[in-house]
Amino acid sequence: MEYYPDFPEEEEEGGLVRLSRVTYQLADGQPDAMGWRVLDNDGVEFGKISDLLADVGTGQIIFAAVTSHASGKTALIPVEGMYLDLAMGAVIVPVSEAAVRECPEFTDDVVDVMPYVEYWLRRVAA
C-alpha cells in the first residue's frame, strides 16, 4: 500500500503517525485497507484493520492495528509479509490468530511501539 499522508508539522521530525489522525491520499490504483477484514495464516477471519501506522519521513506503512471481533482487543502487527486479497477485500496476516491474541494491547494512549517490535521479533525467533 502506498499513501501520501499530510503530516502535521509538529510530527515531521520522525517517528510513526496513525493514519486515522491525519489526512492522507492514496496513490493512484492503491486500495485503502482501513476497515478491511483480517484473516490469519490459516484463513480464519478474526478481526479488522482499525488503523495503520506510517513512517513520518517516508509515508511507508509499518504497522497495522487489528481489532479482534471476539474480544475487541487491538493488536499492532508489522505489515511485512501481509497480503492484500483485493478480490476478498481482506488482509491476510502471516501469523496465527493465537499469536495476535497474545500480543500486547494497542490503545489510544500508546506512544512507544518497541514492546510490539520486541513481541514480534521473539515470535519470529521462536
N, C-alpha and C. Protein backbone atom coordinates (compact mmCIF):
# COMPACT_ATOMS: atom_id res chain seq x y z
N MET A 1 0.84 -1.17 0.00
CA MET A 1 0.00 0.00 0.00
C MET A 1 0.89 1.23 0.00
N GLU A 2 0.53 2.18 -0.77
CA GLU A 2 1.31 3.42 -0.83
C GLU A 2 0.38 4.59 -0.52
N TYR A 3 0.77 5.42 0.44
CA TYR A 3 -0.03 6.55 0.87
C TYR A 3 0.77 7.82 0.75
N TYR A 4 0.06 8.92 0.60
CA TYR A 4 0.69 10.24 0.62
C TYR A 4 0.05 11.03 1.76
N PRO A 5 0.50 10.77 3.00
CA PRO A 5 -0.13 11.45 4.14
C PRO A 5 0.27 12.91 4.23
N ASP A 6 -0.62 13.69 4.80
CA ASP A 6 -0.38 15.10 5.06
C ASP A 6 -0.11 15.21 6.56
N PHE A 7 1.16 15.03 6.96
CA PHE A 7 1.50 15.00 8.37
C PHE A 7 1.53 16.41 8.96
N PRO A 8 1.01 16.56 10.17
CA PRO A 8 1.12 17.85 10.86
C PRO A 8 2.59 18.22 11.06
N GLU A 9 2.91 19.51 10.98
CA GLU A 9 4.30 19.97 11.08
C GLU A 9 5.00 19.50 12.35
N GLU A 10 4.29 19.45 13.45
CA GLU A 10 4.94 19.08 14.70
C GLU A 10 5.37 17.62 14.72
N GLU A 11 4.87 16.81 13.79
CA GLU A 11 5.23 15.40 13.77
C GLU A 11 6.24 15.10 12.67
N GLU A 12 6.73 16.09 11.97
CA GLU A 12 7.62 15.85 10.84
C GLU A 12 9.04 15.52 11.26
N GLU A 13 9.35 15.54 12.54
CA GLU A 13 10.70 15.26 13.00
C GLU A 13 11.07 13.80 12.85
N GLY A 14 10.15 12.91 12.81
CA GLY A 14 10.42 11.49 12.70
C GLY A 14 9.43 10.69 13.51
N GLY A 15 9.51 9.38 13.38
CA GLY A 15 8.63 8.51 14.12
C GLY A 15 7.48 8.01 13.28
N LEU A 16 6.44 7.55 13.97
CA LEU A 16 5.27 6.99 13.31
C LEU A 16 4.06 7.85 13.58
N VAL A 17 3.13 7.82 12.66
CA VAL A 17 1.88 8.54 12.83
C VAL A 17 0.73 7.60 12.47
N ARG A 18 -0.35 7.73 13.21
CA ARG A 18 -1.55 6.92 12.93
C ARG A 18 -2.33 7.59 11.81
N LEU A 19 -2.63 6.84 10.77
CA LEU A 19 -3.34 7.43 9.63
C LEU A 19 -4.74 7.89 10.01
N SER A 20 -5.32 7.32 11.06
CA SER A 20 -6.64 7.75 11.48
C SER A 20 -6.62 9.18 12.03
N ARG A 21 -5.43 9.70 12.32
CA ARG A 21 -5.31 11.03 12.91
C ARG A 21 -4.80 12.09 11.95
N VAL A 22 -4.58 11.72 10.69
CA VAL A 22 -4.08 12.67 9.70
C VAL A 22 -4.87 12.54 8.41
N THR A 23 -4.72 13.52 7.55
CA THR A 23 -5.31 13.45 6.22
C THR A 23 -4.29 12.77 5.31
N TYR A 24 -4.74 11.81 4.54
CA TYR A 24 -3.83 11.15 3.61
C TYR A 24 -4.54 10.88 2.30
N GLN A 25 -3.75 10.70 1.27
CA GLN A 25 -4.28 10.43 -0.06
C GLN A 25 -3.61 9.16 -0.58
N LEU A 26 -4.40 8.27 -1.14
CA LEU A 26 -3.85 7.04 -1.70
C LEU A 26 -3.19 7.32 -3.03
N ALA A 27 -2.12 6.60 -3.31
CA ALA A 27 -1.52 6.67 -4.64
C ALA A 27 -2.52 6.09 -5.63
N ASP A 28 -2.48 6.54 -6.86
CA ASP A 28 -3.41 6.04 -7.88
C ASP A 28 -3.39 4.52 -7.94
N GLY A 29 -4.57 3.94 -7.90
CA GLY A 29 -4.71 2.50 -8.02
C GLY A 29 -4.46 1.71 -6.75
N GLN A 30 -4.13 2.38 -5.66
CA GLN A 30 -3.85 1.68 -4.41
C GLN A 30 -5.12 1.55 -3.57
N PRO A 31 -5.37 0.37 -3.01
CA PRO A 31 -6.55 0.18 -2.16
C PRO A 31 -6.34 0.77 -0.77
N ASP A 32 -7.41 1.16 -0.13
CA ASP A 32 -7.35 1.63 1.25
C ASP A 32 -7.79 0.48 2.14
N ALA A 33 -6.88 -0.07 2.91
CA ALA A 33 -7.16 -1.25 3.74
C ALA A 33 -7.84 -0.92 5.06
N MET A 34 -8.05 0.35 5.36
CA MET A 34 -8.73 0.71 6.62
C MET A 34 -10.11 0.06 6.63
N GLY A 35 -10.39 -0.66 7.71
CA GLY A 35 -11.68 -1.31 7.86
C GLY A 35 -11.78 -2.69 7.22
N TRP A 36 -10.73 -3.11 6.51
CA TRP A 36 -10.77 -4.42 5.85
C TRP A 36 -10.77 -5.55 6.88
N ARG A 37 -11.34 -6.67 6.48
CA ARG A 37 -11.33 -7.90 7.28
C ARG A 37 -9.90 -8.42 7.36
N VAL A 38 -9.57 -9.09 8.47
CA VAL A 38 -8.24 -9.67 8.65
C VAL A 38 -8.38 -11.17 8.87
N LEU A 39 -7.59 -11.93 8.11
CA LEU A 39 -7.55 -13.37 8.23
C LEU A 39 -6.16 -13.79 8.65
N ASP A 40 -6.08 -14.86 9.47
CA ASP A 40 -4.76 -15.35 9.88
C ASP A 40 -4.19 -16.26 8.80
N ASN A 41 -3.01 -16.83 9.07
CA ASN A 41 -2.34 -17.65 8.06
C ASN A 41 -3.05 -18.97 7.78
N ASP A 42 -4.08 -19.29 8.55
CA ASP A 42 -4.90 -20.48 8.29
C ASP A 42 -6.21 -20.11 7.58
N GLY A 43 -6.38 -18.82 7.26
CA GLY A 43 -7.59 -18.38 6.56
C GLY A 43 -8.77 -18.10 7.47
N VAL A 44 -8.53 -18.03 8.77
CA VAL A 44 -9.60 -17.77 9.73
C VAL A 44 -9.75 -16.27 9.93
N GLU A 45 -10.94 -15.74 9.65
CA GLU A 45 -11.20 -14.32 9.87
C GLU A 45 -11.37 -14.07 11.36
N PHE A 46 -10.63 -13.10 11.88
CA PHE A 46 -10.71 -12.84 13.31
C PHE A 46 -10.78 -11.37 13.68
N GLY A 47 -10.64 -10.46 12.71
CA GLY A 47 -10.66 -9.06 13.07
C GLY A 47 -10.74 -8.15 11.87
N LYS A 48 -10.47 -6.87 12.13
CA LYS A 48 -10.48 -5.87 11.05
C LYS A 48 -9.36 -4.87 11.29
N ILE A 49 -8.92 -4.22 10.21
CA ILE A 49 -7.91 -3.17 10.30
C ILE A 49 -8.59 -1.93 10.88
N SER A 50 -8.12 -1.49 12.06
CA SER A 50 -8.72 -0.32 12.69
C SER A 50 -7.86 0.92 12.54
N ASP A 51 -6.58 0.72 12.17
CA ASP A 51 -5.69 1.85 11.94
C ASP A 51 -4.43 1.33 11.25
N LEU A 52 -3.70 2.26 10.67
CA LEU A 52 -2.42 1.97 10.06
C LEU A 52 -1.42 2.99 10.56
N LEU A 53 -0.20 2.55 10.84
CA LEU A 53 0.85 3.45 11.30
C LEU A 53 1.90 3.59 10.21
N ALA A 54 2.21 4.84 9.88
CA ALA A 54 3.16 5.12 8.81
C ALA A 54 4.38 5.84 9.34
N ASP A 55 5.51 5.61 8.68
CA ASP A 55 6.74 6.33 8.97
C ASP A 55 6.55 7.77 8.49
N VAL A 56 6.77 8.72 9.37
CA VAL A 56 6.55 10.13 9.04
C VAL A 56 7.46 10.58 7.89
N GLY A 57 8.69 10.10 7.86
CA GLY A 57 9.63 10.54 6.84
C GLY A 57 9.34 10.00 5.45
N THR A 58 8.89 8.75 5.36
CA THR A 58 8.71 8.11 4.05
C THR A 58 7.25 7.93 3.65
N GLY A 59 6.34 7.94 4.62
CA GLY A 59 4.94 7.65 4.33
C GLY A 59 4.66 6.17 4.21
N GLN A 60 5.69 5.34 4.39
CA GLN A 60 5.53 3.89 4.27
C GLN A 60 4.77 3.34 5.48
N ILE A 61 3.79 2.46 5.21
CA ILE A 61 3.04 1.81 6.27
C ILE A 61 3.96 0.79 6.95
N ILE A 62 4.03 0.86 8.29
CA ILE A 62 4.91 -0.01 9.06
C ILE A 62 4.12 -1.03 9.87
N PHE A 63 3.02 -0.58 10.48
CA PHE A 63 2.18 -1.45 11.32
C PHE A 63 0.72 -1.32 10.93
N ALA A 64 -0.02 -2.40 11.17
CA ALA A 64 -1.48 -2.37 11.08
C ALA A 64 -2.03 -2.64 12.48
N ALA A 65 -2.98 -1.84 12.89
CA ALA A 65 -3.69 -2.08 14.15
C ALA A 65 -4.90 -2.94 13.79
N VAL A 66 -4.96 -4.12 14.40
CA VAL A 66 -6.01 -5.09 14.09
C VAL A 66 -6.86 -5.29 15.33
N THR A 67 -8.16 -5.04 15.19
CA THR A 67 -9.09 -5.21 16.31
C THR A 67 -9.81 -6.53 16.16
N SER A 68 -9.77 -7.33 17.22
CA SER A 68 -10.38 -8.66 17.23
C SER A 68 -11.90 -8.57 17.29
N HIS A 69 -12.57 -9.40 16.50
CA HIS A 69 -14.04 -9.47 16.55
C HIS A 69 -14.50 -10.04 17.90
N ALA A 70 -13.78 -11.05 18.39
CA ALA A 70 -14.22 -11.75 19.60
C ALA A 70 -14.02 -10.94 20.88
N SER A 71 -12.85 -10.33 21.03
CA SER A 71 -12.53 -9.67 22.29
C SER A 71 -12.60 -8.15 22.25
N GLY A 72 -12.52 -7.58 21.05
CA GLY A 72 -12.46 -6.13 20.94
C GLY A 72 -11.06 -5.58 21.18
N LYS A 73 -10.10 -6.45 21.53
CA LYS A 73 -8.72 -6.05 21.77
C LYS A 73 -8.07 -5.68 20.44
N THR A 74 -7.20 -4.66 20.47
CA THR A 74 -6.47 -4.25 19.29
C THR A 74 -5.00 -4.61 19.46
N ALA A 75 -4.44 -5.25 18.44
CA ALA A 75 -3.03 -5.63 18.42
C ALA A 75 -2.34 -4.87 17.30
N LEU A 76 -1.07 -4.59 17.48
CA LEU A 76 -0.27 -3.91 16.48
C LEU A 76 0.60 -4.96 15.79
N ILE A 77 0.45 -5.10 14.47
CA ILE A 77 1.14 -6.15 13.72
C ILE A 77 1.97 -5.50 12.62
N PRO A 78 3.24 -5.90 12.48
CA PRO A 78 4.05 -5.38 11.37
C PRO A 78 3.42 -5.77 10.04
N VAL A 79 3.48 -4.88 9.06
CA VAL A 79 2.85 -5.18 7.77
C VAL A 79 3.72 -6.08 6.89
N GLU A 80 4.98 -6.21 7.24
CA GLU A 80 5.87 -7.07 6.46
C GLU A 80 5.29 -8.48 6.38
N GLY A 81 5.12 -8.99 5.20
CA GLY A 81 4.57 -10.32 4.99
C GLY A 81 3.06 -10.37 4.87
N MET A 82 2.38 -9.25 5.10
CA MET A 82 0.92 -9.24 4.92
C MET A 82 0.60 -9.26 3.43
N TYR A 83 -0.57 -9.79 3.14
CA TYR A 83 -1.02 -9.91 1.76
C TYR A 83 -2.40 -9.29 1.65
N LEU A 84 -2.58 -8.40 0.68
CA LEU A 84 -3.90 -7.82 0.43
C LEU A 84 -4.60 -8.66 -0.61
N ASP A 85 -5.72 -9.25 -0.24
CA ASP A 85 -6.53 -10.01 -1.19
C ASP A 85 -7.62 -9.07 -1.68
N LEU A 86 -7.38 -8.47 -2.84
CA LEU A 86 -8.30 -7.47 -3.38
C LEU A 86 -9.67 -8.06 -3.68
N ALA A 87 -9.71 -9.28 -4.16
CA ALA A 87 -10.99 -9.92 -4.50
C ALA A 87 -11.86 -10.12 -3.27
N MET A 88 -11.22 -10.46 -2.15
CA MET A 88 -11.96 -10.69 -0.91
C MET A 88 -12.10 -9.43 -0.07
N GLY A 89 -11.34 -8.40 -0.40
CA GLY A 89 -11.34 -7.20 0.44
C GLY A 89 -10.83 -7.53 1.83
N ALA A 90 -9.76 -8.33 1.88
CA ALA A 90 -9.24 -8.80 3.16
C ALA A 90 -7.72 -8.70 3.18
N VAL A 91 -7.19 -8.64 4.40
CA VAL A 91 -5.76 -8.65 4.63
C VAL A 91 -5.43 -10.00 5.28
N ILE A 92 -4.46 -10.70 4.69
CA ILE A 92 -4.01 -11.97 5.24
C ILE A 92 -2.72 -11.69 6.00
N VAL A 93 -2.70 -12.01 7.29
CA VAL A 93 -1.51 -11.79 8.10
C VAL A 93 -0.72 -13.09 8.19
N PRO A 94 0.61 -13.01 8.21
CA PRO A 94 1.43 -14.23 8.19
C PRO A 94 1.65 -14.85 9.56
N VAL A 95 0.67 -14.71 10.43
CA VAL A 95 0.77 -15.24 11.79
C VAL A 95 -0.58 -15.86 12.16
N SER A 96 -0.59 -16.58 13.26
CA SER A 96 -1.84 -17.19 13.72
C SER A 96 -2.66 -16.19 14.51
N GLU A 97 -3.94 -16.45 14.56
CA GLU A 97 -4.84 -15.62 15.37
C GLU A 97 -4.42 -15.69 16.83
N ALA A 98 -3.93 -16.85 17.28
CA ALA A 98 -3.49 -17.01 18.66
C ALA A 98 -2.32 -16.08 18.98
N ALA A 99 -1.38 -15.94 18.04
CA ALA A 99 -0.24 -15.03 18.26
C ALA A 99 -0.71 -13.59 18.36
N VAL A 100 -1.69 -13.23 17.57
CA VAL A 100 -2.25 -11.88 17.62
C VAL A 100 -2.96 -11.67 18.95
N ARG A 101 -3.69 -12.68 19.40
CA ARG A 101 -4.42 -12.60 20.67
C ARG A 101 -3.46 -12.38 21.83
N GLU A 102 -2.24 -12.94 21.77
CA GLU A 102 -1.25 -12.83 22.85
C GLU A 102 -0.43 -11.55 22.78
N CYS A 103 -0.53 -10.81 21.69
CA CYS A 103 0.22 -9.56 21.52
C CYS A 103 -0.22 -8.52 22.55
N PRO A 104 0.69 -7.68 23.01
CA PRO A 104 0.28 -6.59 23.91
C PRO A 104 -0.83 -5.75 23.27
N GLU A 105 -1.74 -5.27 24.10
CA GLU A 105 -2.85 -4.48 23.57
C GLU A 105 -2.38 -3.10 23.12
N PHE A 106 -2.91 -2.67 21.99
CA PHE A 106 -2.61 -1.35 21.43
C PHE A 106 -3.80 -0.44 21.71
N THR A 107 -3.55 0.64 22.47
CA THR A 107 -4.62 1.56 22.84
C THR A 107 -4.29 2.96 22.35
N ASP A 108 -5.24 3.87 22.49
CA ASP A 108 -5.05 5.24 22.04
C ASP A 108 -3.90 5.97 22.73
N ASP A 109 -3.56 5.56 23.95
CA ASP A 109 -2.52 6.27 24.67
C ASP A 109 -1.12 5.69 24.46
N VAL A 110 -0.97 4.68 23.62
CA VAL A 110 0.35 4.08 23.35
C VAL A 110 1.19 5.05 22.53
N VAL A 111 2.42 5.31 22.99
CA VAL A 111 3.34 6.17 22.25
C VAL A 111 4.63 5.44 21.89
N ASP A 112 4.90 4.31 22.53
CA ASP A 112 6.13 3.55 22.30
C ASP A 112 5.76 2.21 21.65
N VAL A 113 6.23 2.00 20.42
CA VAL A 113 5.90 0.75 19.71
C VAL A 113 6.93 -0.36 19.97
N MET A 114 7.98 -0.08 20.72
CA MET A 114 9.02 -1.09 20.95
C MET A 114 8.49 -2.38 21.59
N PRO A 115 7.54 -2.34 22.53
CA PRO A 115 7.03 -3.62 23.06
C PRO A 115 6.43 -4.50 21.96
N TYR A 116 5.85 -3.91 20.93
CA TYR A 116 5.27 -4.68 19.83
C TYR A 116 6.36 -5.22 18.92
N VAL A 117 7.36 -4.39 18.65
CA VAL A 117 8.50 -4.84 17.85
C VAL A 117 9.17 -6.02 18.54
N GLU A 118 9.42 -5.89 19.84
CA GLU A 118 10.07 -6.96 20.59
C GLU A 118 9.21 -8.22 20.63
N TYR A 119 7.90 -8.06 20.80
CA TYR A 119 6.99 -9.22 20.82
C TYR A 119 7.09 -10.00 19.52
N TRP A 120 7.00 -9.31 18.38
CA TRP A 120 7.02 -9.99 17.09
C TRP A 120 8.40 -10.55 16.77
N LEU A 121 9.47 -9.88 17.20
CA LEU A 121 10.81 -10.43 17.00
C LEU A 121 10.98 -11.74 17.78
N ARG A 122 10.46 -11.79 19.01
CA ARG A 122 10.51 -13.02 19.80
C ARG A 122 9.73 -14.14 19.13
N ARG A 123 8.57 -13.80 18.53
CA ARG A 123 7.74 -14.81 17.85
C ARG A 123 8.48 -15.39 16.65
N VAL A 124 9.16 -14.54 15.91
CA VAL A 124 9.89 -14.99 14.72
C VAL A 124 11.07 -15.87 15.13
N ALA A 125 11.74 -15.49 16.22
CA ALA A 125 12.92 -16.22 16.67
C ALA A 125 12.56 -17.58 17.28
N ALA A 126 11.34 -17.72 17.76
CA ALA A 126 10.93 -18.97 18.43
C ALA A 126 10.71 -20.11 17.47
